[in-house]
Amino acid sequence: MYENKGKTHQINFDKNRIQQVVIIRDKILSDLDNSYMPDSPATPAQCTQCEYLNHCNDR
């Protein structure tokens, strides 16, 4: 459900969509468990200016 100007609207999901969400959720949880970082498109120059450098350090 979501709200729009005080009104709630129900969102219906079919079985296929639910399965897609579960697959994506499982992939995210697996990546977190394995401490896997996704590839970063950033260049080394961008990384030196990034506020998340201390947390990322994938370069």
Protein backbone atom coordinates (compact mmCIF):
# COMPACT_ATOMS: atom_id res chain seq x y z
CA MET A 1 0.00 0.00 0.00
CA TYR A 2 1.07 3.55 -0.53
CA GLU A 3 -0.44 6.90 0.38
CA ASN A 4 -1.19 9.80 -1.91
CA LYS A 5 -2.62 12.97 -0.34
CA GLY A 6 -4.34 11.13 2.49
CA LYS A 7 -5.64 8.29 0.33
CA THR A 8 -4.24 4.78 0.43
CA HIS A 9 -3.99 2.62 -2.66
CA GLN A 10 -3.50 -1.12 -2.69
CA ILE A 11 -0.83 -2.54 -4.97
CA ASN A 12 -1.45 -6.10 -6.12
CA PHE A 13 1.48 -8.39 -6.92
CA ASP A 14 1.18 -11.51 -9.01
CA LYS A 15 3.15 -14.67 -8.19
CA ASN A 16 5.81 -13.90 -10.80
CA ARG A 17 6.51 -10.44 -9.32
CA ILE A 18 6.67 -11.85 -5.79
CA GLN A 19 9.18 -14.48 -6.93
CA GLN A 20 11.33 -11.77 -8.56
CA VAL A 21 11.33 -9.76 -5.32
CA VAL A 22 12.31 -12.83 -3.29
CA ILE A 23 15.19 -13.62 -5.68
CA ILE A 24 16.50 -10.06 -5.45
CA ARG A 25 16.12 -10.07 -1.66
CA ASP A 26 18.04 -13.34 -1.39
CA LYS A 27 20.83 -11.96 -3.60
CA ILE A 28 21.13 -8.85 -1.42
CA LEU A 29 21.22 -10.92 1.77
CA SER A 30 23.84 -13.23 0.27
CA ASP A 31 26.00 -10.27 -0.75
CA LEU A 32 25.74 -8.84 2.76
CA ASP A 33 26.63 -12.17 4.36
CA ASN A 34 29.66 -12.56 2.09
CA SER A 35 30.73 -8.92 2.51
CA TYR A 36 30.57 -8.53 -1.26
CA MET A 37 30.84 -5.01 -2.64
CA PRO A 38 29.30 -4.33 -6.07
CA ASP A 39 31.61 -2.99 -8.78
CA SER A 40 32.03 0.76 -8.62
CA PRO A 41 32.02 2.85 -11.80
CA ALA A 42 33.98 5.56 -9.96
CA THR A 43 37.47 6.55 -11.04
CA PRO A 44 40.34 6.86 -8.54
CA ALA A 45 40.05 10.65 -8.83
CA GLN A 46 36.40 10.49 -7.82
CA CYS A 47 37.19 8.19 -4.91
CA THR A 48 39.61 10.67 -3.36
CA GLN A 49 36.76 13.18 -3.10
CA CYS A 50 34.13 10.72 -1.87
CA GLU A 51 32.70 11.03 1.64
CA TYR A 52 32.28 7.23 1.80
CA LEU A 53 35.94 6.42 1.10
CA ASN A 54 36.52 5.20 4.67
CA HIS A 55 33.61 2.76 4.34
CA CYS A 56 34.23 1.63 0.79
CA ASN A 57 37.96 1.37 0.03
CA ASP A 58 37.24 -0.92 -2.93
CA ARG A 59 39.86 0.82 -5.07
